[in-house]
Amino acid sequence: MTPPIRIVLVDDEHLIRSALATLLGLEDDIEVVGEAADTARGAALVGELAPDVAVVDLQLPDADGLELCARIAETSPGTRCLVLTSHARPGYLKRALAQGVLGFLPKTTNATDLARAVRTVAEGRRAIDPELAAETISSGDSPLTPREADVLEFAADGAEVSQIARRTHLAEGTVRNYLSSAQSKLQAANRHEAVSIARRHGWI
């Protein structure tokens, strides 16, 4: 009998992580062997358990999820990464593919498709959301860093700097710097114009 695909889940939202563990645990050929809420614990768990697949959220309290994927590639080369995120944007997908991440899906993915993606990634093949892939091809290269795009996206609904800082786990001064940098790169007069430009190009 083929052993199950062993996975570690890394997501700081406990409810989502628990739901993922429950849903994937229903699959006969998938076993959740560990859970973590941040990159430090996630890296330690992967190093200890050497799972087949790490399912990683992008937004983690202590670092970017792609930074964790890079650490996993170094410390546990046999572990493949699948990013599951509510920030499914072309800029992130391009960066993920450039560093060898095999899976990239939005959190709106249903349980059946997620389980299928886990199997695909475990086999060493890519599992990329088709809509995001098409958007990425047509979007062109974004001048924004992933963090600048994050901050700009949070600013889109009119959030104050203090609110954005809490959501992104950044200092208020850092948020202001990212907003200023994004506006400059997009040659926008203010953050609202920057949001409009970035959205028109599919960068947020």
N, C-alpha and C. Protein backbone atom coordinates (compact mmCIF):
# COMPACT_ATOMS: atom_id res chain seq x y z
N MET A 1 0.84 -1.20 0.00
CA MET A 1 0.00 0.00 0.00
C MET A 1 0.88 1.26 0.00
N THR A 2 0.54 2.22 -0.85
CA THR A 2 1.32 3.46 -0.95
C THR A 2 1.12 4.30 0.31
N PRO A 3 2.20 4.77 0.93
CA PRO A 3 2.05 5.60 2.13
C PRO A 3 1.36 6.93 1.78
N PRO A 4 0.66 7.53 2.74
CA PRO A 4 -0.03 8.79 2.46
C PRO A 4 0.95 9.94 2.24
N ILE A 5 0.46 10.97 1.57
CA ILE A 5 1.24 12.18 1.37
C ILE A 5 1.24 12.94 2.70
N ARG A 6 2.42 13.18 3.25
CA ARG A 6 2.53 13.84 4.55
C ARG A 6 2.68 15.34 4.35
N ILE A 7 1.82 16.12 5.01
CA ILE A 7 1.87 17.56 4.81
C ILE A 7 1.94 18.31 6.14
N VAL A 8 2.55 19.49 6.08
CA VAL A 8 2.58 20.43 7.20
C VAL A 8 1.83 21.68 6.74
N LEU A 9 0.95 22.20 7.60
CA LEU A 9 0.19 23.41 7.31
C LEU A 9 0.79 24.59 8.07
N VAL A 10 1.01 25.71 7.38
CA VAL A 10 1.53 26.92 8.03
C VAL A 10 0.60 28.08 7.70
N ASP A 11 -0.19 28.49 8.70
CA ASP A 11 -1.15 29.59 8.54
C ASP A 11 -1.42 30.17 9.91
N ASP A 12 -1.36 31.51 10.04
CA ASP A 12 -1.53 32.10 11.36
C ASP A 12 -3.00 32.24 11.79
N GLU A 13 -3.94 32.00 10.86
CA GLU A 13 -5.35 32.04 11.21
C GLU A 13 -5.80 30.65 11.65
N HIS A 14 -6.00 30.51 12.96
CA HIS A 14 -6.26 29.20 13.55
C HIS A 14 -7.48 28.52 12.94
N LEU A 15 -8.54 29.29 12.73
CA LEU A 15 -9.78 28.71 12.20
C LEU A 15 -9.56 28.13 10.81
N ILE A 16 -8.86 28.88 9.96
CA ILE A 16 -8.59 28.41 8.60
C ILE A 16 -7.67 27.20 8.64
N ARG A 17 -6.64 27.26 9.48
CA ARG A 17 -5.71 26.13 9.57
C ARG A 17 -6.42 24.86 10.03
N SER A 18 -7.28 25.00 11.02
CA SER A 18 -8.02 23.85 11.53
C SER A 18 -8.96 23.28 10.47
N ALA A 19 -9.61 24.19 9.73
CA ALA A 19 -10.52 23.73 8.67
C ALA A 19 -9.76 22.99 7.58
N LEU A 20 -8.59 23.52 7.21
CA LEU A 20 -7.77 22.84 6.20
C LEU A 20 -7.33 21.46 6.68
N ALA A 21 -6.91 21.39 7.94
CA ALA A 21 -6.47 20.11 8.50
C ALA A 21 -7.61 19.10 8.48
N THR A 22 -8.81 19.55 8.82
CA THR A 22 -9.97 18.66 8.83
C THR A 22 -10.32 18.19 7.42
N LEU A 23 -10.38 19.14 6.48
CA LEU A 23 -10.76 18.80 5.11
C LEU A 23 -9.74 17.86 4.45
N LEU A 24 -8.46 18.19 4.58
CA LEU A 24 -7.44 17.35 3.97
C LEU A 24 -7.32 16.01 4.67
N GLY A 25 -7.61 16.00 5.98
CA GLY A 25 -7.57 14.75 6.74
C GLY A 25 -8.61 13.75 6.31
N LEU A 26 -9.64 14.22 5.61
CA LEU A 26 -10.69 13.32 5.12
C LEU A 26 -10.22 12.51 3.91
N GLU A 27 -9.13 12.95 3.29
CA GLU A 27 -8.60 12.23 2.12
C GLU A 27 -7.78 11.03 2.58
N ASP A 28 -8.05 9.87 1.99
CA ASP A 28 -7.38 8.63 2.40
C ASP A 28 -5.86 8.67 2.16
N ASP A 29 -5.45 9.43 1.16
CA ASP A 29 -4.03 9.41 0.78
C ASP A 29 -3.26 10.63 1.25
N ILE A 30 -3.87 11.43 2.16
CA ILE A 30 -3.20 12.63 2.68
C ILE A 30 -3.24 12.62 4.20
N GLU A 31 -2.10 12.92 4.81
CA GLU A 31 -2.01 12.95 6.27
C GLU A 31 -1.38 14.27 6.73
N VAL A 32 -2.09 15.01 7.55
CA VAL A 32 -1.54 16.25 8.12
C VAL A 32 -0.70 15.87 9.33
N VAL A 33 0.60 16.07 9.23
CA VAL A 33 1.51 15.63 10.30
C VAL A 33 1.95 16.76 11.22
N GLY A 34 1.65 18.03 10.83
CA GLY A 34 2.06 19.14 11.67
C GLY A 34 1.38 20.43 11.27
N GLU A 35 1.24 21.34 12.23
CA GLU A 35 0.64 22.66 11.98
C GLU A 35 1.47 23.73 12.67
N ALA A 36 1.56 24.90 12.02
CA ALA A 36 2.31 26.01 12.60
C ALA A 36 1.62 27.32 12.26
N ALA A 37 1.86 28.34 13.11
CA ALA A 37 1.22 29.63 12.91
C ALA A 37 2.19 30.71 12.42
N ASP A 38 3.47 30.38 12.32
CA ASP A 38 4.44 31.38 11.84
C ASP A 38 5.60 30.68 11.14
N THR A 39 6.47 31.47 10.52
CA THR A 39 7.55 30.87 9.74
C THR A 39 8.59 30.17 10.61
N ALA A 40 8.84 30.71 11.80
CA ALA A 40 9.85 30.10 12.68
C ALA A 40 9.44 28.68 13.05
N ARG A 41 8.20 28.52 13.51
CA ARG A 41 7.71 27.19 13.89
C ARG A 41 7.54 26.31 12.64
N GLY A 42 7.10 26.93 11.54
CA GLY A 42 6.93 26.17 10.31
C GLY A 42 8.23 25.58 9.82
N ALA A 43 9.29 26.41 9.84
CA ALA A 43 10.60 25.93 9.40
C ALA A 43 11.11 24.82 10.31
N ALA A 44 10.89 24.98 11.63
CA ALA A 44 11.33 23.96 12.58
C ALA A 44 10.59 22.65 12.36
N LEU A 45 9.28 22.74 12.14
CA LEU A 45 8.47 21.53 11.92
C LEU A 45 8.88 20.80 10.65
N VAL A 46 9.08 21.57 9.59
CA VAL A 46 9.47 20.94 8.32
C VAL A 46 10.84 20.29 8.46
N GLY A 47 11.76 20.95 9.16
CA GLY A 47 13.08 20.37 9.38
C GLY A 47 13.01 19.10 10.19
N GLU A 48 12.09 19.06 11.13
CA GLU A 48 11.95 17.90 12.02
C GLU A 48 11.21 16.74 11.35
N LEU A 49 10.15 17.08 10.58
CA LEU A 49 9.26 16.03 10.05
C LEU A 49 9.53 15.67 8.58
N ALA A 50 10.21 16.56 7.85
CA ALA A 50 10.48 16.35 6.42
C ALA A 50 9.25 15.86 5.67
N PRO A 51 8.16 16.65 5.67
CA PRO A 51 6.94 16.24 4.98
C PRO A 51 7.12 16.26 3.46
N ASP A 52 6.17 15.67 2.77
CA ASP A 52 6.21 15.69 1.30
C ASP A 52 5.83 17.07 0.77
N VAL A 53 4.86 17.69 1.44
CA VAL A 53 4.35 18.99 0.99
C VAL A 53 4.16 19.92 2.18
N ALA A 54 4.53 21.20 2.00
CA ALA A 54 4.22 22.24 2.99
C ALA A 54 3.20 23.17 2.34
N VAL A 55 2.04 23.31 2.99
CA VAL A 55 1.00 24.23 2.51
C VAL A 55 1.16 25.52 3.30
N VAL A 56 1.55 26.60 2.61
CA VAL A 56 2.01 27.81 3.28
C VAL A 56 1.15 29.02 2.91
N ASP A 57 0.74 29.79 3.92
CA ASP A 57 0.06 31.06 3.69
C ASP A 57 1.12 32.12 3.38
N LEU A 58 0.75 33.12 2.59
CA LEU A 58 1.71 34.19 2.28
C LEU A 58 1.90 35.16 3.42
N GLN A 59 0.80 35.50 4.09
CA GLN A 59 0.85 36.53 5.13
C GLN A 59 1.02 35.88 6.50
N LEU A 60 2.24 35.90 7.00
CA LEU A 60 2.54 35.32 8.30
C LEU A 60 3.11 36.42 9.20
N PRO A 61 2.91 36.31 10.51
CA PRO A 61 3.27 37.41 11.40
C PRO A 61 4.75 37.75 11.50
N ASP A 62 5.62 36.78 11.27
CA ASP A 62 7.05 37.04 11.46
C ASP A 62 7.85 37.13 10.17
N ALA A 63 7.26 36.81 9.04
CA ALA A 63 7.96 36.90 7.76
C ALA A 63 7.00 36.58 6.62
N ASP A 64 7.46 36.84 5.42
CA ASP A 64 6.72 36.53 4.21
C ASP A 64 6.71 35.00 4.01
N GLY A 65 5.56 34.45 3.61
CA GLY A 65 5.47 33.00 3.39
C GLY A 65 6.45 32.49 2.34
N LEU A 66 6.78 33.33 1.36
CA LEU A 66 7.74 32.90 0.35
C LEU A 66 9.15 32.80 0.92
N GLU A 67 9.42 33.59 1.95
CA GLU A 67 10.71 33.45 2.64
C GLU A 67 10.79 32.08 3.31
N LEU A 68 9.67 31.63 3.87
CA LEU A 68 9.64 30.29 4.47
C LEU A 68 9.87 29.23 3.40
N CYS A 69 9.24 29.40 2.24
CA CYS A 69 9.43 28.43 1.16
C CYS A 69 10.90 28.36 0.74
N ALA A 70 11.57 29.51 0.73
CA ALA A 70 13.00 29.53 0.38
C ALA A 70 13.82 28.78 1.43
N ARG A 71 13.46 28.95 2.71
CA ARG A 71 14.17 28.23 3.78
C ARG A 71 13.92 26.73 3.69
N ILE A 72 12.70 26.36 3.36
CA ILE A 72 12.36 24.94 3.22
C ILE A 72 13.17 24.31 2.10
N ALA A 73 13.32 25.04 0.99
CA ALA A 73 14.09 24.51 -0.15
C ALA A 73 15.53 24.20 0.25
N GLU A 74 16.06 24.98 1.20
CA GLU A 74 17.44 24.76 1.65
C GLU A 74 17.55 23.65 2.68
N THR A 75 16.60 23.64 3.64
CA THR A 75 16.72 22.72 4.77
C THR A 75 16.05 21.37 4.55
N SER A 76 15.05 21.33 3.66
CA SER A 76 14.34 20.07 3.40
C SER A 76 14.02 19.99 1.91
N PRO A 77 15.03 19.74 1.08
CA PRO A 77 14.86 19.76 -0.38
C PRO A 77 13.78 18.81 -0.90
N GLY A 78 13.47 17.77 -0.14
CA GLY A 78 12.44 16.83 -0.58
C GLY A 78 11.02 17.31 -0.35
N THR A 79 10.89 18.42 0.37
CA THR A 79 9.56 18.99 0.66
C THR A 79 9.19 20.00 -0.41
N ARG A 80 8.03 19.81 -1.03
CA ARG A 80 7.56 20.76 -2.04
C ARG A 80 6.59 21.74 -1.40
N CYS A 81 6.57 22.97 -1.88
CA CYS A 81 5.71 23.99 -1.30
C CYS A 81 4.50 24.31 -2.17
N LEU A 82 3.37 24.46 -1.50
CA LEU A 82 2.14 24.90 -2.14
C LEU A 82 1.65 26.13 -1.37
N VAL A 83 1.58 27.26 -2.04
CA VAL A 83 1.12 28.49 -1.41
C VAL A 83 -0.40 28.58 -1.54
N LEU A 84 -1.06 28.85 -0.42
CA LEU A 84 -2.51 29.01 -0.39
C LEU A 84 -2.77 30.37 0.25
N THR A 85 -3.35 31.29 -0.51
CA THR A 85 -3.38 32.67 -0.03
C THR A 85 -4.63 33.44 -0.43
N SER A 86 -4.94 34.46 0.34
CA SER A 86 -6.01 35.39 -0.03
C SER A 86 -5.41 36.55 -0.82
N HIS A 87 -4.09 36.56 -1.00
CA HIS A 87 -3.39 37.60 -1.76
C HIS A 87 -2.85 37.00 -3.05
N ALA A 88 -3.74 36.44 -3.86
CA ALA A 88 -3.32 35.80 -5.10
C ALA A 88 -3.15 36.85 -6.20
N ARG A 89 -1.92 37.35 -6.35
CA ARG A 89 -1.64 38.40 -7.32
C ARG A 89 -0.49 37.99 -8.22
N PRO A 90 -0.47 38.55 -9.45
CA PRO A 90 0.61 38.21 -10.38
C PRO A 90 2.01 38.39 -9.82
N GLY A 91 2.24 39.48 -9.08
CA GLY A 91 3.59 39.72 -8.55
C GLY A 91 4.06 38.61 -7.64
N TYR A 92 3.16 38.14 -6.78
CA TYR A 92 3.51 37.05 -5.88
C TYR A 92 3.73 35.75 -6.65
N LEU A 93 2.86 35.48 -7.63
CA LEU A 93 3.01 34.23 -8.40
C LEU A 93 4.34 34.22 -9.14
N LYS A 94 4.71 35.33 -9.75
CA LYS A 94 5.98 35.38 -10.48
C LYS A 94 7.16 35.12 -9.54
N ARG A 95 7.11 35.73 -8.37
CA ARG A 95 8.19 35.54 -7.40
C ARG A 95 8.24 34.09 -6.93
N ALA A 96 7.06 33.52 -6.68
CA ALA A 96 6.98 32.13 -6.21
C ALA A 96 7.56 31.17 -7.25
N LEU A 97 7.17 31.35 -8.51
CA LEU A 97 7.67 30.47 -9.57
C LEU A 97 9.17 30.61 -9.75
N ALA A 98 9.66 31.85 -9.61
CA ALA A 98 11.09 32.10 -9.79
C ALA A 98 11.93 31.36 -8.76
N GLN A 99 11.35 31.13 -7.57
CA GLN A 99 12.13 30.43 -6.55
C GLN A 99 11.74 28.96 -6.40
N GLY A 100 11.00 28.44 -7.38
CA GLY A 100 10.76 27.01 -7.43
C GLY A 100 9.53 26.49 -6.71
N VAL A 101 8.65 27.39 -6.25
CA VAL A 101 7.40 26.94 -5.62
C VAL A 101 6.53 26.27 -6.70
N LEU A 102 5.97 25.11 -6.40
CA LEU A 102 5.22 24.36 -7.40
C LEU A 102 3.72 24.65 -7.38
N GLY A 103 3.17 24.99 -6.21
CA GLY A 103 1.73 25.20 -6.11
C GLY A 103 1.38 26.61 -5.68
N PHE A 104 0.33 27.19 -6.28
CA PHE A 104 -0.10 28.54 -5.92
C PHE A 104 -1.59 28.64 -6.17
N LEU A 105 -2.36 28.73 -5.08
CA LEU A 105 -3.82 28.74 -5.19
C LEU A 105 -4.42 29.79 -4.26
N PRO A 106 -5.58 30.36 -4.64
CA PRO A 106 -6.28 31.28 -3.73
C PRO A 106 -7.02 30.48 -2.66
N LYS A 107 -7.31 31.13 -1.53
CA LYS A 107 -8.02 30.46 -0.45
C LYS A 107 -9.48 30.17 -0.79
N THR A 108 -9.95 30.69 -1.92
CA THR A 108 -11.31 30.39 -2.36
C THR A 108 -11.39 29.02 -3.05
N THR A 109 -10.26 28.36 -3.23
CA THR A 109 -10.22 27.03 -3.85
C THR A 109 -11.04 26.04 -3.03
N ASN A 110 -11.81 25.19 -3.70
CA ASN A 110 -12.61 24.21 -2.95
C ASN A 110 -11.73 23.03 -2.50
N ALA A 111 -12.27 22.24 -1.58
CA ALA A 111 -11.49 21.17 -0.95
C ALA A 111 -11.02 20.12 -1.96
N THR A 112 -11.86 19.82 -2.93
CA THR A 112 -11.50 18.80 -3.93
C THR A 112 -10.30 19.26 -4.76
N ASP A 113 -10.35 20.53 -5.20
CA ASP A 113 -9.25 21.05 -6.02
C ASP A 113 -7.97 21.20 -5.19
N LEU A 114 -8.11 21.54 -3.91
CA LEU A 114 -6.93 21.66 -3.05
C LEU A 114 -6.26 20.30 -2.87
N ALA A 115 -7.06 19.28 -2.61
CA ALA A 115 -6.50 17.93 -2.44
C ALA A 115 -5.82 17.47 -3.73
N ARG A 116 -6.43 17.78 -4.86
CA ARG A 116 -5.83 17.42 -6.15
C ARG A 116 -4.50 18.14 -6.34
N ALA A 117 -4.46 19.42 -5.93
CA ALA A 117 -3.23 20.20 -6.06
C ALA A 117 -2.12 19.65 -5.16
N VAL A 118 -2.49 19.22 -3.95
CA VAL A 118 -1.50 18.63 -3.04
C VAL A 118 -0.88 17.39 -3.68
N ARG A 119 -1.71 16.56 -4.29
CA ARG A 119 -1.20 15.34 -4.96
C ARG A 119 -0.28 15.71 -6.12
N THR A 120 -0.69 16.72 -6.89
CA THR A 120 0.09 17.15 -8.05
C THR A 120 1.46 17.66 -7.62
N VAL A 121 1.48 18.51 -6.60
CA VAL A 121 2.73 19.07 -6.09
C VAL A 121 3.61 17.98 -5.49
N ALA A 122 3.00 17.02 -4.80
CA ALA A 122 3.76 15.91 -4.21
C ALA A 122 4.48 15.10 -5.28
N GLU A 123 3.90 15.09 -6.48
CA GLU A 123 4.51 14.36 -7.60
C GLU A 123 5.57 15.19 -8.32
N GLY A 124 5.77 16.43 -7.84
CA GLY A 124 6.79 17.28 -8.46
C GLY A 124 6.30 18.06 -9.66
N ARG A 125 4.97 18.19 -9.78
CA ARG A 125 4.40 18.94 -10.90
C ARG A 125 3.73 20.22 -10.39
N ARG A 126 3.53 21.16 -11.27
CA ARG A 126 2.94 22.45 -10.87
C ARG A 126 1.42 22.38 -10.75
N ALA A 127 0.91 23.12 -9.76
CA ALA A 127 -0.53 23.27 -9.59
C ALA A 127 -0.79 24.76 -9.37
N ILE A 128 -1.12 25.45 -10.44
CA ILE A 128 -1.31 26.91 -10.41
C ILE A 128 -2.75 27.24 -10.77
N ASP A 129 -3.35 28.16 -10.02
CA ASP A 129 -4.70 28.59 -10.34
C ASP A 129 -4.73 29.13 -11.77
N PRO A 130 -5.58 28.58 -12.66
CA PRO A 130 -5.56 28.98 -14.07
C PRO A 130 -5.91 30.44 -14.31
N GLU A 131 -6.86 30.98 -13.54
CA GLU A 131 -7.23 32.39 -13.72
C GLU A 131 -6.07 33.31 -13.36
N LEU A 132 -5.39 32.99 -12.27
CA LEU A 132 -4.25 33.81 -11.86
C LEU A 132 -3.12 33.68 -12.87
N ALA A 133 -2.92 32.49 -13.41
CA ALA A 133 -1.86 32.28 -14.40
C ALA A 133 -2.13 33.15 -15.63
N ALA A 134 -3.38 33.17 -16.09
CA ALA A 134 -3.73 33.98 -17.26
C ALA A 134 -3.56 35.46 -16.96
N GLU A 135 -3.96 35.88 -15.76
CA GLU A 135 -3.83 37.27 -15.36
C GLU A 135 -2.36 37.67 -15.30
N THR A 136 -1.53 36.76 -14.82
CA THR A 136 -0.10 37.03 -14.68
C THR A 136 0.55 37.23 -16.04
N ILE A 137 0.14 36.42 -17.01
CA ILE A 137 0.70 36.53 -18.36
C ILE A 137 0.37 37.89 -18.97
N SER A 138 -0.86 38.38 -18.72
CA SER A 138 -1.31 39.62 -19.36
C SER A 138 -0.95 40.88 -18.57
N SER A 139 -0.51 40.72 -17.32
CA SER A 139 -0.33 41.89 -16.45
C SER A 139 0.96 42.66 -16.69
N GLY A 140 1.95 42.02 -17.27
CA GLY A 140 3.26 42.66 -17.39
C GLY A 140 3.97 42.66 -16.04
N ASP A 141 5.18 43.15 -16.02
CA ASP A 141 5.97 43.13 -14.79
C ASP A 141 5.59 44.31 -13.90
N SER A 142 5.25 44.00 -12.66
CA SER A 142 4.91 45.04 -11.70
C SER A 142 6.18 45.68 -11.15
N PRO A 143 6.20 47.01 -11.03
CA PRO A 143 7.36 47.67 -10.42
C PRO A 143 7.32 47.59 -8.90
N LEU A 144 6.18 47.13 -8.35
CA LEU A 144 6.00 47.10 -6.90
C LEU A 144 6.59 45.84 -6.29
N THR A 145 7.18 45.98 -5.12
CA THR A 145 7.57 44.79 -4.37
C THR A 145 6.30 44.18 -3.78
N PRO A 146 6.33 42.90 -3.39
CA PRO A 146 5.14 42.29 -2.79
C PRO A 146 4.61 43.06 -1.58
N ARG A 147 5.51 43.57 -0.74
CA ARG A 147 5.07 44.31 0.44
C ARG A 147 4.41 45.64 0.05
N GLU A 148 4.97 46.32 -0.95
CA GLU A 148 4.35 47.57 -1.42
C GLU A 148 2.95 47.29 -1.96
N ALA A 149 2.82 46.19 -2.69
CA ALA A 149 1.51 45.83 -3.23
C ALA A 149 0.52 45.51 -2.11
N ASP A 150 0.99 44.82 -1.08
CA ASP A 150 0.14 44.50 0.07
C ASP A 150 -0.41 45.77 0.71
N VAL A 151 0.51 46.68 1.02
CA VAL A 151 0.13 47.91 1.70
C VAL A 151 -0.83 48.73 0.84
N LEU A 152 -0.56 48.78 -0.45
CA LEU A 152 -1.42 49.54 -1.36
C LEU A 152 -2.81 48.90 -1.43
N GLU A 153 -2.86 47.58 -1.42
CA GLU A 153 -4.15 46.89 -1.47
C GLU A 153 -4.97 47.19 -0.21
N PHE A 154 -4.31 47.20 0.94
CA PHE A 154 -5.02 47.51 2.18
C PHE A 154 -5.48 48.97 2.20
N ALA A 155 -4.74 49.83 1.52
CA ALA A 155 -5.10 51.25 1.47
C ALA A 155 -6.29 51.49 0.55
N ALA A 156 -6.58 50.52 -0.30
CA ALA A 156 -7.64 50.69 -1.30
C ALA A 156 -9.02 50.91 -0.70
N ASP A 157 -9.27 50.35 0.48
CA ASP A 157 -10.59 50.51 1.09
C ASP A 157 -10.63 51.70 2.06
N GLY A 158 -9.62 52.58 1.96
CA GLY A 158 -9.61 53.78 2.78
C GLY A 158 -9.07 53.60 4.18
N ALA A 159 -8.42 52.47 4.45
CA ALA A 159 -7.89 52.21 5.79
C ALA A 159 -6.82 53.22 6.17
N GLU A 160 -6.80 53.58 7.44
CA GLU A 160 -5.78 54.49 7.95
C GLU A 160 -4.45 53.75 8.07
N VAL A 161 -3.36 54.52 8.15
CA VAL A 161 -2.03 53.92 8.26
C VAL A 161 -1.95 52.98 9.47
N SER A 162 -2.56 53.38 10.58
CA SER A 162 -2.52 52.54 11.78
C SER A 162 -3.22 51.20 11.56
N GLN A 163 -4.32 51.22 10.81
CA GLN A 163 -5.05 49.98 10.50
C GLN A 163 -4.23 49.08 9.59
N ILE A 164 -3.62 49.69 8.58
CA ILE A 164 -2.79 48.92 7.64
C ILE A 164 -1.62 48.29 8.39
N ALA A 165 -1.04 49.05 9.31
CA ALA A 165 0.09 48.54 10.09
C ALA A 165 -0.30 47.30 10.88
N ARG A 166 -1.48 47.34 11.48
CA ARG A 166 -1.94 46.17 12.25
C ARG A 166 -2.18 44.97 11.35
N ARG A 167 -2.79 45.20 10.22
CA ARG A 167 -3.13 44.10 9.30
C ARG A 167 -1.88 43.44 8.71
N THR A 168 -0.87 44.25 8.46
CA THR A 168 0.33 43.74 7.80
C THR A 168 1.46 43.40 8.76
N HIS A 169 1.22 43.64 10.06
CA HIS A 169 2.24 43.38 11.08
C HIS A 169 3.50 44.21 10.84
N LEU A 170 3.28 45.47 10.40
CA LEU A 170 4.40 46.38 10.14
C LEU A 170 4.27 47.62 11.02
N ALA A 171 5.38 48.33 11.20
CA ALA A 171 5.35 49.60 11.93
C ALA A 171 4.69 50.66 11.04
N GLU A 172 4.07 51.66 11.69
CA GLU A 172 3.38 52.70 10.92
C GLU A 172 4.34 53.45 10.00
N GLY A 173 5.54 53.72 10.48
CA GLY A 173 6.53 54.39 9.65
C GLY A 173 6.89 53.58 8.42
N THR A 174 6.97 52.27 8.59
CA THR A 174 7.28 51.39 7.46
C THR A 174 6.15 51.40 6.44
N VAL A 175 4.90 51.42 6.93
CA VAL A 175 3.73 51.48 6.04
C VAL A 175 3.78 52.77 5.22
N ARG A 176 4.08 53.90 5.88
CA ARG A 176 4.17 55.18 5.16
C ARG A 176 5.26 55.14 4.09
N ASN A 177 6.38 54.51 4.43
CA ASN A 177 7.47 54.40 3.46
C ASN A 177 7.06 53.57 2.25
N TYR A 178 6.35 52.46 2.50
CA TYR A 178 5.90 51.61 1.39
C TYR A 178 4.89 52.35 0.51
N LEU A 179 3.95 53.09 1.15
CA LEU A 179 2.97 53.85 0.38
C LEU A 179 3.65 54.91 -0.47
N SER A 180 4.60 55.60 0.11
CA SER A 180 5.34 56.65 -0.61
C SER A 180 6.12 56.07 -1.78
N SER A 181 6.76 54.94 -1.53
CA SER A 181 7.54 54.28 -2.59
C SER A 181 6.64 53.81 -3.72
N ALA A 182 5.48 53.23 -3.36
CA ALA A 182 4.54 52.76 -4.39
C ALA A 182 4.04 53.92 -5.24
N GLN A 183 3.67 55.03 -4.58
CA GLN A 183 3.21 56.21 -5.31
C GLN A 183 4.28 56.72 -6.27
N SER A 184 5.52 56.74 -5.80
CA SER A 184 6.62 57.22 -6.63
C SER A 184 6.83 56.32 -7.85
N LYS A 185 6.85 55.02 -7.62
CA LYS A 185 7.09 54.07 -8.71
C LYS A 185 5.98 54.14 -9.78
N LEU A 186 4.75 54.39 -9.31
CA LEU A 186 3.61 54.43 -10.23
C LEU A 186 3.35 55.84 -10.75
N GLN A 187 4.19 56.80 -10.31
CA GLN A 187 4.06 58.20 -10.72
C GLN A 187 2.65 58.71 -10.44
N ALA A 188 2.16 58.38 -9.24
CA ALA A 188 0.81 58.76 -8.82
C ALA A 188 0.86 59.97 -7.90
N ALA A 189 -0.18 60.79 -7.97
CA ALA A 189 -0.23 62.00 -7.15
C ALA A 189 -0.53 61.68 -5.68
N ASN A 190 -1.25 60.56 -5.45
CA ASN A 190 -1.62 60.16 -4.09
C ASN A 190 -1.88 58.66 -4.05
N ARG A 191 -2.17 58.15 -2.87
CA ARG A 191 -2.35 56.70 -2.74
C ARG A 191 -3.56 56.20 -3.52
N HIS A 192 -4.61 57.04 -3.63
CA HIS A 192 -5.82 56.61 -4.34
C HIS A 192 -5.54 56.43 -5.83
N GLU A 193 -4.76 57.35 -6.38
CA GLU A 193 -4.38 57.22 -7.79
C GLU A 193 -3.46 56.02 -7.97
N ALA A 194 -2.58 55.79 -7.01
CA ALA A 194 -1.68 54.63 -7.07
C ALA A 194 -2.48 53.32 -7.08
N VAL A 195 -3.50 53.25 -6.24
CA VAL A 195 -4.37 52.08 -6.20
C VAL A 195 -5.03 51.87 -7.56
N SER A 196 -5.54 52.94 -8.12
CA SER A 196 -6.22 52.86 -9.43
C SER A 196 -5.29 52.34 -10.52
N ILE A 197 -4.08 52.88 -10.56
CA ILE A 197 -3.10 52.46 -11.57
C ILE A 197 -2.73 50.98 -11.39
N ALA A 198 -2.47 50.60 -10.12
CA ALA A 198 -2.06 49.23 -9.84
C ALA A 198 -3.17 48.24 -10.19
N ARG A 199 -4.39 48.60 -9.89
CA ARG A 199 -5.52 47.70 -10.19
C ARG A 199 -5.75 47.59 -11.69
N ARG A 200 -5.58 48.69 -12.40
CA ARG A 200 -5.78 48.68 -13.85
C ARG A 200 -4.79 47.73 -14.53
N HIS A 201 -3.61 47.59 -13.95
CA HIS A 201 -2.59 46.71 -14.52
C HIS A 201 -2.59 45.30 -13.92
N GLY A 202 -3.48 45.06 -12.96
CA GLY A 202 -3.54 43.74 -12.34
C GLY A 202 -2.43 43.48 -11.35
N TRP A 203 -1.83 44.54 -10.78
CA TRP A 203 -0.71 44.37 -9.86
C TRP A 203 -1.17 44.24 -8.42
N ILE A 204 -2.42 44.62 -8.14
CA ILE A 204 -3.02 44.36 -6.82
C ILE A 204 -4.43 43.85 -7.04
